[in-house]
Amino acid sequence: MKYLISLQYLFLKVTTTSLTSMNIGRFQQLKFLYLEYCSELVSIPSAVGRLTTLNKLKIYWCFNLVSFEEEEEEGKEPVALHNLNLQLFDIVGRWCRKVGRFT
């Protein structure tokens, strides 16, 4: 995936607790991120907040998801969802009561 820096659409269905190893922040052309049935996923890398071209973020049926990860990288502040310029932010699933942790 390291050669896909111009990737614009990413659909993920993962069985891991974190997406950090994917280094999503490198996809600077990403416009659409769709996470579906990621049952083990507990957090989204805060690097997603630095994707200035991201227009749509859809999170479907990721039951254990509760927050963005905190980053400890030198010189980088954690980025919250409210810093994005999304046209669409869609969450579907029973865990929506936890959505307050995304701000």
PDB file of N, CA and C in Angstrom:
ATOM      1  N   MET A   1       0.816  -1.203   0.000  1.00  0.00           N
ATOM      2  CA  MET A   1       0.000   0.000   0.000  1.00  0.00           C
ATOM      3  C   MET A   1       0.855   1.261   0.000  1.00  0.00           C
ATOM      4  N   LYS A   2       2.144   1.129   0.236  1.00  0.00           N
ATOM      5  CA  LYS A   2       2.978   2.321   0.314  1.00  0.00           C
ATOM      6  C   LYS A   2       3.103   3.057  -1.012  1.00  0.00           C
ATOM      7  N   TYR A   3       2.783   2.407  -2.129  1.00  0.00           N
ATOM      8  CA  TYR A   3       2.870   3.044  -3.440  1.00  0.00           C
ATOM      9  C   TYR A   3       1.550   3.670  -3.884  1.00  0.00           C
ATOM     10  N   LEU A   4       0.534   3.592  -3.076  1.00  0.00           N
ATOM     11  CA  LEU A   4      -0.795   4.098  -3.438  1.00  0.00           C
ATOM     12  C   LEU A   4      -1.035   5.506  -2.895  1.00  0.00           C
ATOM     13  N   ILE A   5      -0.059   6.374  -2.977  1.00  0.00           N
ATOM     14  CA  ILE A   5      -0.177   7.712  -2.393  1.00  0.00           C
ATOM     15  C   ILE A   5      -1.223   8.568  -3.091  1.00  0.00           C
ATOM     16  N   SER A   6      -1.615   8.224  -4.303  1.00  0.00           N
ATOM     17  CA  SER A   6      -2.637   8.978  -5.029  1.00  0.00           C
ATOM     18  C   SER A   6      -4.028   8.362  -4.881  1.00  0.00           C
ATOM     19  N   LEU A   7      -4.161   7.412  -3.983  1.00  0.00           N
ATOM     20  CA  LEU A   7      -5.432   6.742  -3.754  1.00  0.00           C
ATOM     21  C   LEU A   7      -6.518   7.746  -3.359  1.00  0.00           C
ATOM     22  N   GLN A   8      -7.692   7.655  -3.981  1.00  0.00           N
ATOM     23  CA  GLN A   8      -8.776   8.593  -3.696  1.00  0.00           C
ATOM     24  C   GLN A   8      -9.942   7.954  -2.962  1.00  0.00           C
ATOM     25  N   TYR A   9     -10.152   6.650  -3.131  1.00  0.00           N
ATOM     26  CA  TYR A   9     -11.269   5.948  -2.506  1.00  0.00           C
ATOM     27  C   TYR A   9     -10.739   4.727  -1.771  1.00  0.00           C
ATOM     28  N   LEU A  10     -11.094   4.615  -0.501  1.00  0.00           N
ATOM     29  CA  LEU A  10     -10.613   3.490   0.290  1.00  0.00           C
ATOM     30  C   LEU A  10     -11.775   2.882   1.067  1.00  0.00           C
ATOM     31  N   PHE A  11     -12.071   1.625   0.774  1.00  0.00           N
ATOM     32  CA  PHE A  11     -13.106   0.858   1.455  1.00  0.00           C
ATOM     33  C   PHE A  11     -12.399  -0.194   2.298  1.00  0.00           C
ATOM     34  N   LEU A  12     -12.637  -0.184   3.603  1.00  0.00           N
ATOM     35  CA  LEU A  12     -11.950  -1.121   4.485  1.00  0.00           C
ATOM     36  C   LEU A  12     -12.914  -1.969   5.300  1.00  0.00           C
ATOM     37  N   LYS A  13     -12.566  -3.215   5.424  1.00  0.00           N
ATOM     38  CA  LYS A  13     -13.216  -4.143   6.325  1.00  0.00           C
ATOM     39  C   LYS A  13     -12.070  -4.899   6.981  1.00  0.00           C
ATOM     40  N   VAL A  14     -11.733  -4.522   8.203  1.00  0.00           N
ATOM     41  CA  VAL A  14     -10.550  -5.067   8.855  1.00  0.00           C
ATOM     42  C   VAL A  14     -10.906  -5.824  10.128  1.00  0.00           C
ATOM     43  N   THR A  15     -10.011  -6.706  10.529  1.00  0.00           N
ATOM     44  CA  THR A  15     -10.182  -7.455  11.774  1.00  0.00           C
ATOM     45  C   THR A  15      -9.027  -7.145  12.707  1.00  0.00           C
ATOM     46  N   THR A  16      -8.769  -5.879  12.904  1.00  0.00           N
ATOM     47  CA  THR A  16      -7.704  -5.420  13.785  1.00  0.00           C
ATOM     48  C   THR A  16      -8.265  -4.333  14.692  1.00  0.00           C
ATOM     49  N   THR A  17      -7.578  -4.031  15.772  1.00  0.00           N
ATOM     50  CA  THR A  17      -8.060  -3.010  16.702  1.00  0.00           C
ATOM     51  C   THR A  17      -7.627  -1.604  16.311  1.00  0.00           C
ATOM     52  N   SER A  18      -6.642  -1.496  15.411  1.00  0.00           N
ATOM     53  CA  SER A  18      -6.102  -0.190  15.043  1.00  0.00           C
ATOM     54  C   SER A  18      -5.717  -0.147  13.564  1.00  0.00           C
ATOM     55  N   LEU A  19      -5.819   1.039  12.987  1.00  0.00           N
ATOM     56  CA  LEU A  19      -5.409   1.243  11.591  1.00  0.00           C
ATOM     57  C   LEU A  19      -4.058   1.955  11.489  1.00  0.00           C
ATOM     58  N   THR A  20      -3.410   2.171  12.610  1.00  0.00           N
ATOM     59  CA  THR A  20      -2.155   2.924  12.636  1.00  0.00           C
ATOM     60  C   THR A  20      -1.102   2.340  11.706  1.00  0.00           C
ATOM     61  N   SER A  21      -0.994   1.039  11.648  1.00  0.00           N
ATOM     62  CA  SER A  21       0.040   0.407  10.817  1.00  0.00           C
ATOM     63  C   SER A  21      -0.172   0.679   9.327  1.00  0.00           C
ATOM     64  N   MET A  22      -1.377   1.065   8.936  1.00  0.00           N
ATOM     65  CA  MET A  22      -1.645   1.374   7.529  1.00  0.00           C
ATOM     66  C   MET A  22      -1.121   2.746   7.134  1.00  0.00           C
ATOM     67  N   ASN A  23      -0.834   3.591   8.118  1.00  0.00           N
ATOM     68  CA  ASN A  23      -0.349   4.951   7.863  1.00  0.00           C
ATOM     69  C   ASN A  23      -1.287   5.686   6.900  1.00  0.00           C
ATOM     70  N   ILE A  24      -2.544   5.775   7.246  1.00  0.00           N
ATOM     71  CA  ILE A  24      -3.559   6.406   6.405  1.00  0.00           C
ATOM     72  C   ILE A  24      -3.213   7.856   6.064  1.00  0.00           C
ATOM     73  N   GLY A  25      -2.477   8.515   6.911  1.00  0.00           N
ATOM     74  CA  GLY A  25      -2.108   9.904   6.677  1.00  0.00           C
ATOM     75  C   GLY A  25      -1.319  10.143   5.401  1.00  0.00           C
ATOM     76  N   ARG A  26      -0.714   9.108   4.865  1.00  0.00           N
ATOM     77  CA  ARG A  26       0.073   9.272   3.632  1.00  0.00           C
ATOM     78  C   ARG A  26      -0.800   9.413   2.390  1.00  0.00           C
ATOM     79  N   PHE A  27      -2.082   9.067   2.480  1.00  0.00           N
ATOM     80  CA  PHE A  27      -2.972   9.137   1.327  1.00  0.00           C
ATOM     81  C   PHE A  27      -3.521  10.565   1.179  1.00  0.00           C
ATOM     82  N   GLN A  28      -2.681  11.476   0.787  1.00  0.00           N
ATOM     83  CA  GLN A  28      -3.027  12.897   0.735  1.00  0.00           C
ATOM     84  C   GLN A  28      -4.059  13.248  -0.326  1.00  0.00           C
ATOM     85  N   GLN A  29      -4.396  12.334  -1.208  1.00  0.00           N
ATOM     86  CA  GLN A  29      -5.409  12.560  -2.238  1.00  0.00           C
ATOM     87  C   GLN A  29      -6.748  11.911  -1.875  1.00  0.00           C
ATOM     88  N   LEU A  30      -6.817  11.265  -0.718  1.00  0.00           N
ATOM     89  CA  LEU A  30      -7.999  10.505  -0.332  1.00  0.00           C
ATOM     90  C   LEU A  30      -9.227  11.410  -0.194  1.00  0.00           C
ATOM     91  N   LYS A  31     -10.293  11.039  -0.894  1.00  0.00           N
ATOM     92  CA  LYS A  31     -11.546  11.794  -0.866  1.00  0.00           C
ATOM     93  C   LYS A  31     -12.653  11.057  -0.121  1.00  0.00           C
ATOM     94  N   PHE A  32     -12.574   9.733  -0.084  1.00  0.00           N
ATOM     95  CA  PHE A  32     -13.653   8.922   0.464  1.00  0.00           C
ATOM     96  C   PHE A  32     -13.061   7.796   1.300  1.00  0.00           C
ATOM     97  N   LEU A  33     -13.411   7.740   2.571  1.00  0.00           N
ATOM     98  CA  LEU A  33     -12.977   6.660   3.453  1.00  0.00           C
ATOM     99  C   LEU A  33     -14.213   5.984   4.019  1.00  0.00           C
ATOM    100  N   TYR A  34     -14.323   4.686   3.781  1.00  0.00           N
ATOM    101  CA  TYR A  34     -15.486   3.909   4.163  1.00  0.00           C
ATOM    102  C   TYR A  34     -15.031   2.715   4.996  1.00  0.00           C
ATOM    103  N   LEU A  35     -15.446   2.676   6.253  1.00  0.00           N
ATOM    104  CA  LEU A  35     -15.124   1.576   7.148  1.00  0.00           C
ATOM    105  C   LEU A  35     -16.402   0.799   7.421  1.00  0.00           C
ATOM    106  N   GLU A  36     -16.386  -0.501   7.154  1.00  0.00           N
ATOM    107  CA  GLU A  36     -17.595  -1.298   7.326  1.00  0.00           C
ATOM    108  C   GLU A  36     -17.265  -2.621   8.008  1.00  0.00           C
ATOM    109  N   TYR A  37     -18.083  -2.976   8.975  1.00  0.00           N
ATOM    110  CA  TYR A  37     -17.952  -4.236   9.703  1.00  0.00           C
ATOM    111  C   TYR A  37     -16.538  -4.469  10.217  1.00  0.00           C
ATOM    112  N   CYS A  38     -15.950  -3.449  10.762  1.00  0.00           N
ATOM    113  CA  CYS A  38     -14.630  -3.551  11.388  1.00  0.00           C
ATOM    114  C   CYS A  38     -14.867  -3.847  12.869  1.00  0.00           C
ATOM    115  N   SER A  39     -15.277  -5.067  13.155  1.00  0.00           N
ATOM    116  CA  SER A  39     -15.778  -5.435  14.482  1.00  0.00           C
ATOM    117  C   SER A  39     -14.757  -5.290  15.605  1.00  0.00           C
ATOM    118  N   GLU A  40     -13.489  -5.378  15.325  1.00  0.00           N
ATOM    119  CA  GLU A  40     -12.462  -5.280  16.358  1.00  0.00           C
ATOM    120  C   GLU A  40     -11.886  -3.867  16.487  1.00  0.00           C
ATOM    121  N   LEU A  41     -12.154  -3.020  15.535  1.00  0.00           N
ATOM    122  CA  LEU A  41     -11.574  -1.679  15.503  1.00  0.00           C
ATOM    123  C   LEU A  41     -12.067  -0.841  16.686  1.00  0.00           C
ATOM    124  N   VAL A  42     -11.140  -0.284  17.469  1.00  0.00           N
ATOM    125  CA  VAL A  42     -11.522   0.535  18.620  1.00  0.00           C
ATOM    126  C   VAL A  42     -11.212   2.012  18.419  1.00  0.00           C
ATOM    127  N   SER A  43     -10.344   2.330  17.469  1.00  0.00           N
ATOM    128  CA  SER A  43     -10.023   3.740  17.248  1.00  0.00           C
ATOM    129  C   SER A  43      -9.582   3.982  15.806  1.00  0.00           C
ATOM    130  N   ILE A  44      -9.713   5.233  15.407  1.00  0.00           N
ATOM    131  CA  ILE A  44      -9.291   5.668  14.080  1.00  0.00           C
ATOM    132  C   ILE A  44      -8.070   6.556  14.275  1.00  0.00           C
ATOM    133  N   PRO A  45      -7.029   6.376  13.479  1.00  0.00           N
ATOM    134  CA  PRO A  45      -5.840   7.227  13.648  1.00  0.00           C
ATOM    135  C   PRO A  45      -6.187   8.700  13.485  1.00  0.00           C
ATOM    136  N   SER A  46      -5.674   9.532  14.358  1.00  0.00           N
ATOM    137  CA  SER A  46      -5.959  10.964  14.252  1.00  0.00           C
ATOM    138  C   SER A  46      -5.368  11.551  12.982  1.00  0.00           C
ATOM    139  N   ALA A  47      -4.477  10.814  12.304  1.00  0.00           N
ATOM    140  CA  ALA A  47      -3.921  11.268  11.023  1.00  0.00           C
ATOM    141  C   ALA A  47      -5.016  11.480   9.991  1.00  0.00           C
ATOM    142  N   VAL A  48      -6.161  10.837  10.157  1.00  0.00           N
ATOM    143  CA  VAL A  48      -7.296  11.047   9.250  1.00  0.00           C
ATOM    144  C   VAL A  48      -7.695  12.522   9.261  1.00  0.00           C
ATOM    145  N   GLY A  49      -7.545  13.177  10.374  1.00  0.00           N
ATOM    146  CA  GLY A  49      -7.868  14.592  10.486  1.00  0.00           C
ATOM    147  C   GLY A  49      -6.976  15.504   9.672  1.00  0.00           C
ATOM    148  N   ARG A  50      -5.865  14.991   9.194  1.00  0.00           N
ATOM    149  CA  ARG A  50      -4.948  15.780   8.359  1.00  0.00           C
ATOM    150  C   ARG A  50      -5.172  15.563   6.868  1.00  0.00           C
ATOM    151  N   LEU A  51      -6.150  14.750   6.521  1.00  0.00           N
ATOM    152  CA  LEU A  51      -6.444  14.496   5.106  1.00  0.00           C
ATOM    153  C   LEU A  51      -7.339  15.613   4.590  1.00  0.00           C
ATOM    154  N   THR A  52      -6.740  16.664   4.116  1.00  0.00           N
ATOM    155  CA  THR A  52      -7.480  17.870   3.732  1.00  0.00           C
ATOM    156  C   THR A  52      -8.392  17.669   2.536  1.00  0.00           C
ATOM    157  N   THR A  53      -8.172  16.632   1.752  1.00  0.00           N
ATOM    158  CA  THR A  53      -9.024  16.372   0.589  1.00  0.00           C
ATOM    159  C   THR A  53     -10.190  15.440   0.925  1.00  0.00           C
ATOM    160  N   LEU A  54     -10.225  14.911   2.151  1.00  0.00           N
ATOM    161  CA  LEU A  54     -11.273  13.963   2.529  1.00  0.00           C
ATOM    162  C   LEU A  54     -12.638  14.653   2.551  1.00  0.00           C
ATOM    163  N   ASN A  55     -13.546  14.168   1.712  1.00  0.00           N
ATOM    164  CA  ASN A  55     -14.896  14.724   1.617  1.00  0.00           C
ATOM    165  C   ASN A  55     -15.933  13.881   2.338  1.00  0.00           C
ATOM    166  N   LYS A  56     -15.721  12.568   2.341  1.00  0.00           N
ATOM    167  CA  LYS A  56     -16.725  11.664   2.890  1.00  0.00           C
ATOM    168  C   LYS A  56     -16.078  10.641   3.812  1.00  0.00           C
ATOM    169  N   LEU A  57     -16.648  10.525   4.996  1.00  0.00           N
ATOM    170  CA  LEU A  57     -16.207   9.539   5.970  1.00  0.00           C
ATOM    171  C   LEU A  57     -17.440   8.766   6.421  1.00  0.00           C
ATOM    172  N   LYS A  58     -17.456   7.477   6.103  1.00  0.00           N
ATOM    173  CA  LYS A  58     -18.579   6.619   6.471  1.00  0.00           C
ATOM    174  C   LYS A  58     -18.068   5.510   7.377  1.00  0.00           C
ATOM    175  N   ILE A  59     -18.758   5.324   8.498  1.00  0.00           N
ATOM    176  CA  ILE A  59     -18.396   4.294   9.458  1.00  0.00           C
ATOM    177  C   ILE A  59     -19.649   3.470   9.717  1.00  0.00           C
ATOM    178  N   TYR A  60     -19.642   2.223   9.252  1.00  0.00           N
ATOM    179  CA  TYR A  60     -20.820   1.361   9.369  1.00  0.00           C
ATOM    180  C   TYR A  60     -20.493   0.109  10.180  1.00  0.00           C
ATOM    181  N   TRP A  61     -21.276  -0.117  11.224  1.00  0.00           N
ATOM    182  CA  TRP A  61     -21.246  -1.334  12.009  1.00  0.00           C
ATOM    183  C   TRP A  61     -19.868  -1.673  12.563  1.00  0.00           C
ATOM    184  N   CYS A  62     -19.207  -0.676  13.091  1.00  0.00           N
ATOM    185  CA  CYS A  62     -17.928  -0.875  13.787  1.00  0.00           C
ATOM    186  C   CYS A  62     -18.228  -0.777  15.283  1.00  0.00           C
ATOM    187  N   PHE A  63     -18.725  -1.847  15.862  1.00  0.00           N
ATOM    188  CA  PHE A  63     -19.322  -1.863  17.193  1.00  0.00           C
ATOM    189  C   PHE A  63     -18.408  -1.421  18.324  1.00  0.00           C
ATOM    190  N   ASN A  64     -17.123  -1.642  18.227  1.00  0.00           N
ATOM    191  CA  ASN A  64     -16.206  -1.329  19.321  1.00  0.00           C
ATOM    192  C   ASN A  64     -15.495   0.011  19.165  1.00  0.00           C
ATOM    193  N   LEU A  65     -15.785   0.725  18.123  1.00  0.00           N
ATOM    194  CA  LEU A  65     -15.116   2.000  17.856  1.00  0.00           C
ATOM    195  C   LEU A  65     -15.529   3.051  18.873  1.00  0.00           C
ATOM    196  N   VAL A  66     -14.543   3.710  19.490  1.00  0.00           N
ATOM    197  CA  VAL A  66     -14.861   4.724  20.496  1.00  0.00           C
ATOM    198  C   VAL A  66     -14.152   6.053  20.284  1.00  0.00           C
ATOM    199  N   SER A  67     -13.043   6.111  19.536  1.00  0.00           N
ATOM    200  CA  SER A  67     -12.319   7.383  19.486  1.00  0.00           C
ATOM    201  C   SER A  67     -11.277   7.421  18.368  1.00  0.00           C
ATOM    202  N   PHE A  68     -10.670   8.601  18.237  1.00  0.00           N
ATOM    203  CA  PHE A  68      -9.449   8.749  17.454  1.00  0.00           C
ATOM    204  C   PHE A  68      -8.289   8.408  18.366  1.00  0.00           C
ATOM    205  N   GLU A  69      -7.227   7.859  17.793  1.00  0.00           N
ATOM    206  CA  GLU A  69      -6.027   7.572  18.570  1.00  0.00           C
ATOM    207  C   GLU A  69      -5.301   8.873  18.865  1.00  0.00           C
ATOM    208  N   GLU A  70      -4.669   8.918  19.997  1.00  0.00           N
ATOM    209  CA  GLU A  70      -3.799  10.035  20.327  1.00  0.00           C
ATOM    210  C   GLU A  70      -2.438   9.761  19.704  1.00  0.00           C
ATOM    211  N   GLU A  71      -1.837  10.786  19.115  1.00  0.00           N
ATOM    212  CA  GLU A  71      -0.519  10.612  18.504  1.00  0.00           C
ATOM    213  C   GLU A  71       0.554  11.195  19.407  1.00  0.00           C
ATOM    214  N   GLU A  72       1.654  10.533  19.451  1.00  0.00           N
ATOM    215  CA  GLU A  72       2.789  10.981  20.244  1.00  0.00           C
ATOM    216  C   GLU A  72       3.958  11.398  19.354  1.00  0.00           C
ATOM    217  N   GLU A  73       3.677  11.638  18.057  1.00  0.00           N
ATOM    218  CA  GLU A  73       4.752  12.011  17.144  1.00  0.00           C
ATOM    219  C   GLU A  73       5.251  13.414  17.470  1.00  0.00           C
ATOM    220  N   GLU A  74       6.537  13.579  17.409  1.00  0.00           N
ATOM    221  CA  GLU A  74       7.145  14.857  17.713  1.00  0.00           C
ATOM    222  C   GLU A  74       6.694  15.926  16.730  1.00  0.00           C
ATOM    223  N   GLY A  75       6.232  17.047  17.240  1.00  0.00           N
ATOM    224  CA  GLY A  75       5.821  18.163  16.399  1.00  0.00           C
ATOM    225  C   GLY A  75       4.433  18.037  15.798  1.00  0.00           C
ATOM    226  N   LYS A  76       3.702  16.982  16.122  1.00  0.00           N
ATOM    227  CA  LYS A  76       2.360  16.800  15.571  1.00  0.00           C
ATOM    228  C   LYS A  76       1.346  16.766  16.697  1.00  0.00           C
ATOM    229  N   GLU A  77       0.346  17.592  16.582  1.00  0.00           N
ATOM    230  CA  GLU A  77      -0.737  17.611  17.552  1.00  0.00           C
ATOM    231  C   GLU A  77      -1.833  16.652  17.103  1.00  0.00           C
ATOM    232  N   PRO A  78      -2.514  16.009  18.041  1.00  0.00           N
ATOM    233  CA  PRO A  78      -3.669  15.190  17.660  1.00  0.00           C
ATOM    234  C   PRO A  78      -4.707  16.052  16.952  1.00  0.00           C
ATOM    235  N   VAL A  79      -5.368  15.488  15.969  1.00  0.00           N
ATOM    236  CA  VAL A  79      -6.350  16.226  15.175  1.00  0.00           C
ATOM    237  C   VAL A  79      -7.730  15.661  15.448  1.00  0.00           C
ATOM    238  N   ALA A  80      -8.679  16.527  15.753  1.00  0.00           N
ATOM    239  CA  ALA A  80     -10.048  16.094  16.010  1.00  0.00           C
ATOM    240  C   ALA A  80     -10.866  16.145  14.728  1.00  0.00           C
ATOM    241  N   LEU A  81     -11.951  15.419  14.729  1.00  0.00           N
ATOM    242  CA  LEU A  81     -12.816  15.330  13.572  1.00  0.00           C
ATOM    243  C   LEU A  81     -13.351  16.688  13.138  1.00  0.00           C
ATOM    244  N   HIS A  82     -13.583  17.590  14.083  1.00  0.00           N
ATOM    245  CA  HIS A  82     -14.155  18.889  13.723  1.00  0.00           C
ATOM    246  C   HIS A  82     -13.204  19.750  12.888  1.00  0.00           C
ATOM    247  N   ASN A  83     -11.958  19.332  12.709  1.00  0.00           N
ATOM    248  CA  ASN A  83     -11.019  20.061  11.859  1.00  0.00           C
ATOM    249  C   ASN A  83     -11.132  19.677  10.385  1.00  0.00           C
ATOM    250  N   LEU A  84     -11.919  18.652  10.085  1.00  0.00           N
ATOM    251  CA  LEU A  84     -12.089  18.210   8.704  1.00  0.00           C
ATOM    252  C   LEU A  84     -13.129  19.059   7.986  1.00  0.00           C
ATOM    253  N   ASN A  85     -13.033  19.080   6.670  1.00  0.00           N
ATOM    254  CA  ASN A  85     -14.013  19.771   5.825  1.00  0.00           C
ATOM    255  C   ASN A  85     -14.857  18.741   5.096  1.00  0.00           C
ATOM    256  N   LEU A  86     -15.550  17.926   5.869  1.00  0.00           N
ATOM    257  CA  LEU A  86     -16.328  16.844   5.284  1.00  0.00           C
ATOM    258  C   LEU A  86     -17.638  17.345   4.695  1.00  0.00           C
ATOM    259  N   GLN A  87     -18.018  16.775   3.570  1.00  0.00           N
ATOM    260  CA  GLN A  87     -19.345  17.000   3.007  1.00  0.00           C
ATOM    261  C   GLN A  87     -20.316  15.978   3.562  1.00  0.00           C
ATOM    262  N   LEU A  88     -19.800  14.814   3.957  1.00  0.00           N
ATOM    263  CA  LEU A  88     -20.634  13.751   4.488  1.00  0.00           C
ATOM    264  C   LEU A  88     -19.883  13.016   5.583  1.00  0.00           C
ATOM    265  N   PHE A  89     -20.517  12.904   6.733  1.00  0.00           N
ATOM    266  CA  PHE A  89     -20.005  12.102   7.839  1.00  0.00           C
ATOM    267  C   PHE A  89     -21.164  11.231   8.285  1.00  0.00           C
ATOM    268  N   ASP A  90     -21.065   9.944   8.037  1.00  0.00           N
ATOM    269  CA  ASP A  90     -22.182   9.039   8.248  1.00  0.00           C
ATOM    270  C   ASP A  90     -21.748   7.916   9.190  1.00  0.00           C
ATOM    271  N   ILE A  91     -22.527   7.714  10.258  1.00  0.00           N
ATOM    272  CA  ILE A  91     -22.263   6.647  11.214  1.00  0.00           C
ATOM    273  C   ILE A  91     -23.518   5.800  11.318  1.00  0.00           C
ATOM    274  N   VAL A  92     -23.366   4.499  11.168  1.00  0.00           N
ATOM    275  CA  VAL A  92     -24.484   3.576  11.300  1.00  0.00           C
ATOM    276  C   VAL A  92     -24.059   2.449  12.224  1.00  0.00           C
ATOM    277  N   GLY A  93     -24.869   2.164  13.215  1.00  0.00           N
ATOM    278  CA  GLY A  93     -24.595   1.070  14.139  1.00  0.00           C
ATOM    279  C   GLY A  93     -25.094   1.397  15.522  1.00  0.00           C
ATOM    280  N   ARG A  94     -25.166   0.410  16.344  1.00  0.00           N
ATOM    281  CA  ARG A  94     -25.709   0.589  17.689  1.00  0.00           C
ATOM    282  C   ARG A  94     -24.783   1.322  18.629  1.00  0.00           C
ATOM    283  N   TRP A  95     -23.553   1.503  18.296  1.00  0.00           N
ATOM    284  CA  TRP A  95     -22.602   2.162  19.189  1.00  0.00           C
ATOM    285  C   TRP A  95     -22.672   3.676  19.115  1.00  0.00           C
ATOM    286  N   CYS A  96     -23.609   4.228  18.388  1.00  0.00           N
ATOM    287  CA  CYS A  96     -23.682   5.679  18.179  1.00  0.00           C
ATOM    288  C   CYS A  96     -23.715   6.477  19.479  1.00  0.00           C
ATOM    289  N   ARG A  97     -24.080   5.863  20.574  1.00  0.00           N
ATOM    290  CA  ARG A  97     -24.088   6.573  21.856  1.00  0.00           C
ATOM    291  C   ARG A  97     -22.683   7.044  22.229  1.00  0.00           C
ATOM    292  N   LYS A  98     -21.650   6.464  21.632  1.00  0.00           N
ATOM    293  CA  LYS A  98     -20.275   6.821  21.920  1.00  0.00           C
ATOM    294  C   LYS A  98     -19.749   7.941  21.048  1.00  0.00           C
ATOM    295  N   VAL A  99     -20.568   8.437  20.150  1.00  0.00           N
ATOM    296  CA  VAL A  99     -20.118   9.405  19.147  1.00  0.00           C
ATOM    297  C   VAL A  99     -19.571  10.687  19.769  1.00  0.00           C
ATOM    298  N   GLY A 100     -19.960  11.039  20.958  1.00  0.00           N
ATOM    299  CA  GLY A 100     -19.452  12.237  21.617  1.00  0.00           C
ATOM    300  C   GLY A 100     -17.947  12.221  21.811  1.00  0.00           C
ATOM    301  N   ARG A 101     -17.358  11.081  21.782  1.00  0.00           N
ATOM    302  CA  ARG A 101     -15.905  10.958  21.959  1.00  0.00           C
ATOM    303  C   ARG A 101     -15.136  11.347  20.706  1.00  0.00           C
ATOM    304  N   PHE A 102     -15.817  11.613  19.603  1.00  0.00           N
ATOM    305  CA  PHE A 102     -15.151  12.002  18.360  1.00  0.00           C
ATOM    306  C   PHE A 102     -14.875  13.483  18.279  1.00  0.00           C
ATOM    307  N   THR A 103     -15.336  14.285  19.214  1.00  0.00           N
ATOM    308  CA  THR A 103     -15.143  15.740  19.130  1.00  0.00           C
ATOM    309  C   THR A 103     -13.966  16.183  19.954  1.00  0.00           C
TER     310      THR A 103
END
